[in-house]
Protein backbone atom coordinates (compact mmCIF):
# COMPACT_ATOMS: atom_id res chain seq x y z
CA MET A 1 -14.88 22.71 18.68
CA ASN A 2 -17.91 24.99 18.64
CA LYS A 3 -18.02 28.55 17.45
CA GLY A 4 -17.96 31.21 20.11
CA GLU A 5 -15.78 29.29 22.54
CA LYS A 6 -13.34 31.53 24.43
CA PHE A 7 -10.85 31.12 27.24
CA LEU A 8 -9.90 27.56 26.36
CA THR A 9 -6.65 26.17 27.67
CA ARG A 10 -4.15 24.30 25.53
CA LEU A 11 -5.26 21.03 27.09
CA GLU A 12 -8.94 21.77 26.48
CA VAL A 13 -8.25 22.65 22.85
CA LEU A 14 -6.33 19.41 22.41
CA LYS A 15 -9.11 17.31 23.96
CA LYS A 16 -11.85 18.95 21.89
CA SER A 17 -9.78 18.67 18.70
CA SER A 18 -8.92 15.02 19.32
CA GLY A 19 -12.53 14.18 20.08
CA PHE A 20 -13.72 15.82 16.87
CA LEU A 21 -11.16 14.01 14.72
CA ARG A 22 -11.86 10.70 16.45
CA ALA A 23 -15.56 11.06 15.64
CA LYS A 24 -14.65 11.66 12.00
CA GLY A 25 -12.64 8.45 11.83
CA VAL A 26 -9.21 10.07 11.50
CA PRO A 27 -6.61 7.35 12.21
CA SER A 28 -4.37 9.33 14.62
CA PRO A 29 -6.62 11.98 16.18
CA LYS A 30 -4.44 12.84 19.19
CA CYS A 31 -1.18 13.07 17.25
CA ASP A 32 -2.74 15.08 14.43
CA SER A 33 -4.34 17.47 16.92
CA GLU A 34 -0.97 18.00 18.58
CA TRP A 35 0.59 18.87 15.23
CA LEU A 36 -2.16 21.31 14.26
CA VAL A 37 -2.45 23.04 17.63
CA SER A 38 1.33 23.37 18.08
CA THR A 39 1.69 24.70 14.53
CA SER A 40 -0.90 27.40 15.15
CA LEU A 41 0.74 28.36 18.44
CA LYS A 42 4.23 28.19 16.87
CA ILE A 43 5.55 25.94 19.59
CA LYS A 44 6.92 22.41 19.75
CA ARG A 45 4.44 19.60 20.41
CA MET A 46 5.98 18.77 23.80
CA GLU A 47 5.44 22.38 24.95
CA LEU A 48 1.68 21.79 24.82
CA TYR A 49 2.05 19.60 27.89
CA LEU A 50 4.64 21.74 29.67
CA HIS A 51 2.08 24.57 30.00
CA PRO A 52 -1.29 22.82 29.57
CA GLU A 53 -3.33 25.49 31.42
CA GLU A 54 -2.16 28.40 29.28
CA ILE A 55 -5.08 30.15 27.60
CA VAL A 56 -5.24 29.96 23.80
CA GLU A 57 -5.89 33.28 22.07
CA GLU A 58 -9.16 33.61 20.16
CA GLN A 59 -7.39 34.13 16.82
CA ASN A 60 -5.56 30.85 17.36
CA ILE A 61 -8.83 29.16 18.26
CA ARG A 62 -10.25 30.23 14.90
CA GLU A 63 -7.18 29.05 13.01
CA ILE A 64 -7.07 25.71 14.85
CA ARG A 65 -10.80 25.19 14.27
CA SER A 66 -10.34 25.72 10.53
CA MET A 67 -7.42 23.26 10.36
CA ILE A 68 -9.22 20.65 12.45
CA VAL A 69 -12.30 20.85 10.22
CA ARG A 70 -10.11 20.31 7.16
CA ARG A 71 -8.47 17.30 8.78
CA GLY A 72 -11.91 16.00 9.74
CA LYS A 73 -12.72 16.00 6.02
CA ARG A 74 -9.68 13.71 5.69
CA GLU A 75 -7.46 16.24 3.99
CA PRO A 76 -3.90 15.00 4.59
CA LEU A 77 -2.17 16.49 7.59
CA GLN A 78 0.82 17.34 5.38
CA HIS A 79 -1.36 19.45 3.07
CA ILE A 80 -2.75 21.41 6.00
CA LEU A 81 0.71 21.95 7.48
CA GLU A 82 2.02 22.58 3.93
CA SER A 83 5.13 20.57 4.72
CA VAL A 84 6.45 17.15 5.65
CA ASN A 85 9.61 15.96 7.37
CA PHE A 86 11.11 13.34 5.08
CA ALA A 87 14.32 11.54 6.04
CA GLY A 88 15.24 14.44 8.31
CA PHE A 89 14.59 17.19 5.75
CA LEU A 90 11.59 19.54 5.81
CA ILE A 91 10.01 19.95 2.37
CA LYS A 92 6.82 21.46 0.98
CA SER A 93 3.87 19.14 0.42
CA ASP A 94 0.55 19.83 -1.30
CA GLU A 95 -1.94 18.46 -3.82
CA ARG A 96 0.51 18.79 -6.73
CA ALA A 97 2.30 15.55 -5.85
CA LEU A 98 2.05 12.41 -3.78
CA VAL A 99 2.58 12.95 -0.04
CA PRO A 100 5.96 11.32 0.74
CA ARG A 101 5.37 8.18 2.82
CA PRO A 102 7.28 7.26 6.00
CA GLU A 103 8.04 3.80 4.57
CA THR A 104 9.85 5.40 1.63
CA GLU A 105 12.35 6.85 4.10
CA SER A 106 13.57 3.28 4.52
CA LEU A 107 14.51 3.17 0.83
CA VAL A 108 16.65 6.28 1.29
CA GLU A 109 18.28 4.69 4.33
CA TYR A 110 18.98 1.44 2.47
CA ILE A 111 20.63 3.36 -0.37
CA LEU A 112 22.78 5.49 1.92
CA ASN A 113 23.95 2.36 3.73
CA ARG A 114 25.27 0.98 0.42
CA ILE A 115 27.15 3.93 -1.03
CA PRO A 116 29.82 6.09 0.63
CA GLU A 117 29.25 9.69 1.68
CA SER A 118 32.03 10.60 -0.79
CA PHE A 119 29.84 9.38 -3.71
CA GLU A 120 30.35 11.71 -6.70
CA GLY A 121 28.02 10.13 -9.25
CA LYS A 122 24.82 11.16 -10.99
CA ILE A 123 21.50 10.18 -9.41
CA LEU A 124 18.45 9.87 -11.66
CA ASP A 125 15.02 9.90 -9.98
CA LEU A 126 12.26 8.62 -12.26
CA GLY A 127 8.92 10.08 -11.16
CA THR A 128 10.37 12.55 -8.69
CA GLY A 129 7.03 14.07 -7.54
CA SER A 130 7.82 16.50 -4.73
CA GLY A 131 11.51 15.62 -5.09
CA ALA A 132 11.62 14.01 -1.65
CA ILE A 133 13.81 10.98 -2.43
CA LEU A 134 16.22 12.78 -4.74
CA LEU A 135 16.64 15.79 -2.45
CA ALA A 136 17.19 13.63 0.63
CA LEU A 137 19.89 11.69 -1.23
CA CYS A 138 21.62 14.76 -2.66
CA SER A 139 21.49 16.52 0.71
CA SER A 140 23.14 13.50 2.33
CA LEU A 141 25.72 13.03 -0.46
CA PRO A 142 27.33 16.46 -0.86
CA SER A 143 29.37 15.56 -3.97
CA SER A 144 26.47 13.98 -5.90
CA PHE A 145 24.50 15.46 -8.81
CA GLY A 146 20.76 14.84 -9.11
CA ILE A 147 18.38 14.67 -12.07
CA GLY A 148 14.69 14.55 -11.23
CA THR A 149 12.14 13.64 -13.90
CA ASP A 150 8.36 13.67 -13.93
CA LYS A 151 5.67 13.92 -16.61
CA CYS A 152 3.56 16.23 -14.43
CA ASN A 153 4.50 19.89 -14.67
CA GLU A 154 2.67 20.71 -11.43
CA ALA A 155 4.76 18.13 -9.57
CA LEU A 156 7.92 19.54 -11.13
CA ALA A 157 6.95 23.03 -9.96
CA LEU A 158 6.61 21.73 -6.39
CA ALA A 159 9.93 19.88 -6.69
CA GLU A 160 11.59 23.09 -7.91
CA GLU A 161 10.34 24.91 -4.82
CA ASN A 162 11.86 22.17 -2.68
CA VAL A 163 15.16 22.34 -4.57
CA ARG A 164 15.36 26.02 -3.67
CA LEU A 165 14.19 25.38 -0.12
CA LEU A 166 17.11 22.98 0.45
CA ASN A 167 19.52 25.19 -1.50
CA LEU A 168 20.36 22.48 -4.04
CA GLN A 169 20.04 24.57 -7.22
CA GLU A 170 23.69 23.97 -8.12
CA ARG A 171 23.43 20.18 -7.92
CA VAL A 172 19.88 19.23 -8.91
CA VAL A 173 18.11 19.71 -12.25
CA LEU A 174 14.49 18.83 -13.07
CA ARG A 175 13.07 17.66 -16.40
CA ASN A 176 9.71 16.76 -17.87
CA LEU A 177 9.91 13.13 -18.99
CA ASP A 178 7.37 10.37 -19.59
CA TRP A 179 9.09 6.99 -19.42
CA HIS A 180 6.24 5.46 -21.40
CA GLN A 181 7.38 7.29 -24.54
CA ASP A 182 10.48 9.45 -23.96
CA LYS A 183 14.07 8.23 -24.15
CA ILE A 184 16.40 8.94 -21.24
CA LEU A 185 19.27 10.77 -22.89
CA ASP A 186 21.58 11.12 -19.89
CA ASP A 187 24.56 8.80 -19.65
CA ASP A 188 27.05 7.85 -16.94
CA ILE A 189 24.26 7.45 -14.37
CA SER A 190 25.53 5.79 -11.19
CA LEU A 191 22.21 5.45 -9.35
CA ILE A 192 18.63 5.27 -10.56
CA VAL A 193 15.91 5.48 -7.93
CA SER A 194 12.16 5.33 -8.38
CA ASN A 195 8.96 5.07 -6.39
CA PRO A 196 6.62 4.66 -9.37
CA PRO A 197 2.87 3.97 -9.53
CA TYR A 198 2.31 0.37 -8.37
CA LEU A 199 -1.25 0.07 -7.02
CA ASP A 200 -3.91 -1.75 -9.01
CA GLU A 201 -7.46 -0.43 -9.33
CA GLU A 202 -8.76 -2.62 -6.51
CA GLU A 203 -6.11 -1.32 -4.10
CA TRP A 204 -6.94 2.22 -5.18
CA GLU A 205 -10.65 1.73 -4.51
CA SER A 206 -9.95 0.45 -0.99
CA ALA A 207 -7.47 3.22 -0.12
CA GLN A 208 -7.99 5.67 2.74
CA PRO A 209 -9.80 8.96 1.89
CA GLU A 210 -6.53 10.88 2.34
CA VAL A 211 -5.15 8.89 -0.59
CA LYS A 212 -8.23 8.54 -2.81
CA SER A 213 -9.43 12.11 -2.54
CA PHE A 214 -6.18 14.06 -2.35
CA ASP A 215 -3.22 12.16 -3.86
CA PRO A 216 -2.96 12.33 -7.67
CA LYS A 217 -4.16 8.96 -8.99
CA PRO A 218 -1.62 8.76 -11.86
CA ALA A 219 1.17 8.81 -9.26
CA LEU A 220 -0.24 5.69 -7.61
CA VAL A 221 -2.07 3.41 -10.04
CA ALA A 222 -0.52 1.34 -12.83
CA GLU A 223 -1.85 -1.18 -15.34
CA ASP A 224 -1.04 -4.90 -15.39
CA GLY A 225 -1.80 -5.44 -11.71
CA GLY A 226 0.31 -2.42 -10.77
CA PHE A 227 3.44 -3.79 -12.49
CA TYR A 228 3.42 -1.93 -15.82
CA ASP A 229 5.53 1.06 -14.76
CA LEU A 230 7.92 -1.06 -12.71
CA ARG A 231 8.68 -3.22 -15.74
CA LYS A 232 9.24 -0.14 -17.90
CA ILE A 233 11.60 1.42 -15.35
CA ILE A 234 13.68 -1.75 -15.09
CA ALA A 235 14.01 -1.74 -18.88
CA CYS A 236 15.01 1.95 -18.88
CA ALA A 237 17.55 1.35 -16.12
CA SER A 238 19.12 -1.58 -17.96
CA GLU A 239 19.80 0.75 -20.91
CA THR A 240 20.79 3.87 -18.97
CA LEU A 241 22.76 2.81 -15.90
CA ALA A 242 26.53 2.64 -16.02
CA THR A 243 28.03 -0.81 -15.47
CA GLU A 244 28.00 -1.59 -11.73
CA GLY A 245 25.47 1.23 -11.24
CA LEU A 246 22.65 0.75 -8.72
CA LEU A 247 18.92 0.58 -9.30
CA ALA A 248 16.73 1.17 -6.22
CA LEU A 249 12.97 0.63 -6.43
CA GLU A 250 9.90 0.75 -4.25
CA PHE A 251 7.09 -1.64 -5.28
CA GLY A 252 3.84 -3.22 -4.10
CA ILE A 253 3.77 -5.92 -1.45
CA CYS A 254 2.76 -8.55 -4.04
CA HIS A 255 5.47 -7.68 -6.58
CA ALA A 256 8.68 -9.05 -5.03
CA ASP A 257 8.86 -12.26 -7.08
CA GLN A 258 8.04 -10.43 -10.31
CA ILE A 259 10.69 -7.83 -9.54
CA GLU A 260 13.38 -10.49 -9.05
CA THR A 261 12.42 -12.19 -12.32
CA ALA A 262 12.46 -8.91 -14.23
CA LEU A 263 15.83 -7.87 -12.80
CA ARG A 264 17.78 -11.11 -13.36
CA PRO A 265 18.65 -10.74 -17.07
CA LYS A 266 20.55 -7.44 -16.68
CA PHE A 267 21.23 -7.08 -12.94
CA LYS A 268 23.17 -8.87 -10.21
CA ASP A 269 23.46 -8.74 -6.40
CA ILE A 270 19.69 -8.37 -6.23
CA GLU A 271 18.40 -7.52 -2.75
CA ILE A 272 14.72 -7.57 -1.79
CA LEU A 273 14.33 -5.47 1.35
CA LYS A 274 11.53 -4.98 3.86
CA ASP A 275 9.70 -1.86 5.01
CA LEU A 276 8.89 -0.94 8.61
CA SER A 277 5.89 -3.29 8.55
CA ARG A 278 8.12 -6.19 7.43
CA HIS A 279 6.63 -6.27 3.94
CA ARG A 280 8.95 -6.94 1.02
CA ARG A 281 8.82 -3.43 -0.43
CA PHE A 282 12.16 -2.44 -1.99
CA ALA A 283 14.75 -3.78 -4.42
CA ILE A 284 18.36 -2.74 -4.86
CA ALA A 285 20.37 -4.32 -7.66
CA LYS A 286 23.62 -3.73 -9.54
CA LYS A 287 23.82 -3.39 -13.33
CA THR A 288 25.87 -6.15 -14.96
């Protein structure tokens, strides 16, 4: 989109935006353009095509141009929109924490399929980041109580904003905790969930620019081939979970066998579950 353009229709703006993003190598140029244009116009994406010949105001052209340029630099769409829909709940998203991934929604779904809506237990989220997993679970389980931990104060600040956004202040608390060195002091935990760092350095180096340049590296990369934090969390869960409590993990696509081996001494009913791409990505197990 060139400066000075006026009297562009919605359809023309979409075509120019999509073409620009396509030339920049953005993976989903049409879809991302729809999101950015509709957000500026404060309409639903489908409305862009219901009135395609409607003229876009110049102030919107300027705003759309700015957002499209940012996306062309591979800034995540969620950062530009300042929000993400995760598991049906709209939460804030920015550079303070990892952008919640669509595949992680499957972990939430797997958990909710295995515990009743009347669940009244404590949920502990290790490495809560934006709070996405914990807040989706607590929103879906109205009698639950959530504890979100993270070693990054910036991430905790974002999570706190999302707690308030979803009106969960009475049922969710957040704490600074580093599982590498801090003890988990809570007891009677019924569910521990975690999407910890699990990429190795090689996977990090080959990641898309949206990940490498904008996601916080400590939230993604772990030592020992990406397995270090997973092993630590399994050890923490074996000490902290109540008997028959559930541990739910997301891990790398090469970790499934290691996960099973690490879980066997202290857990039973181990399930290795697949993501939307049919990769073995999640584990749910019961404390013995």
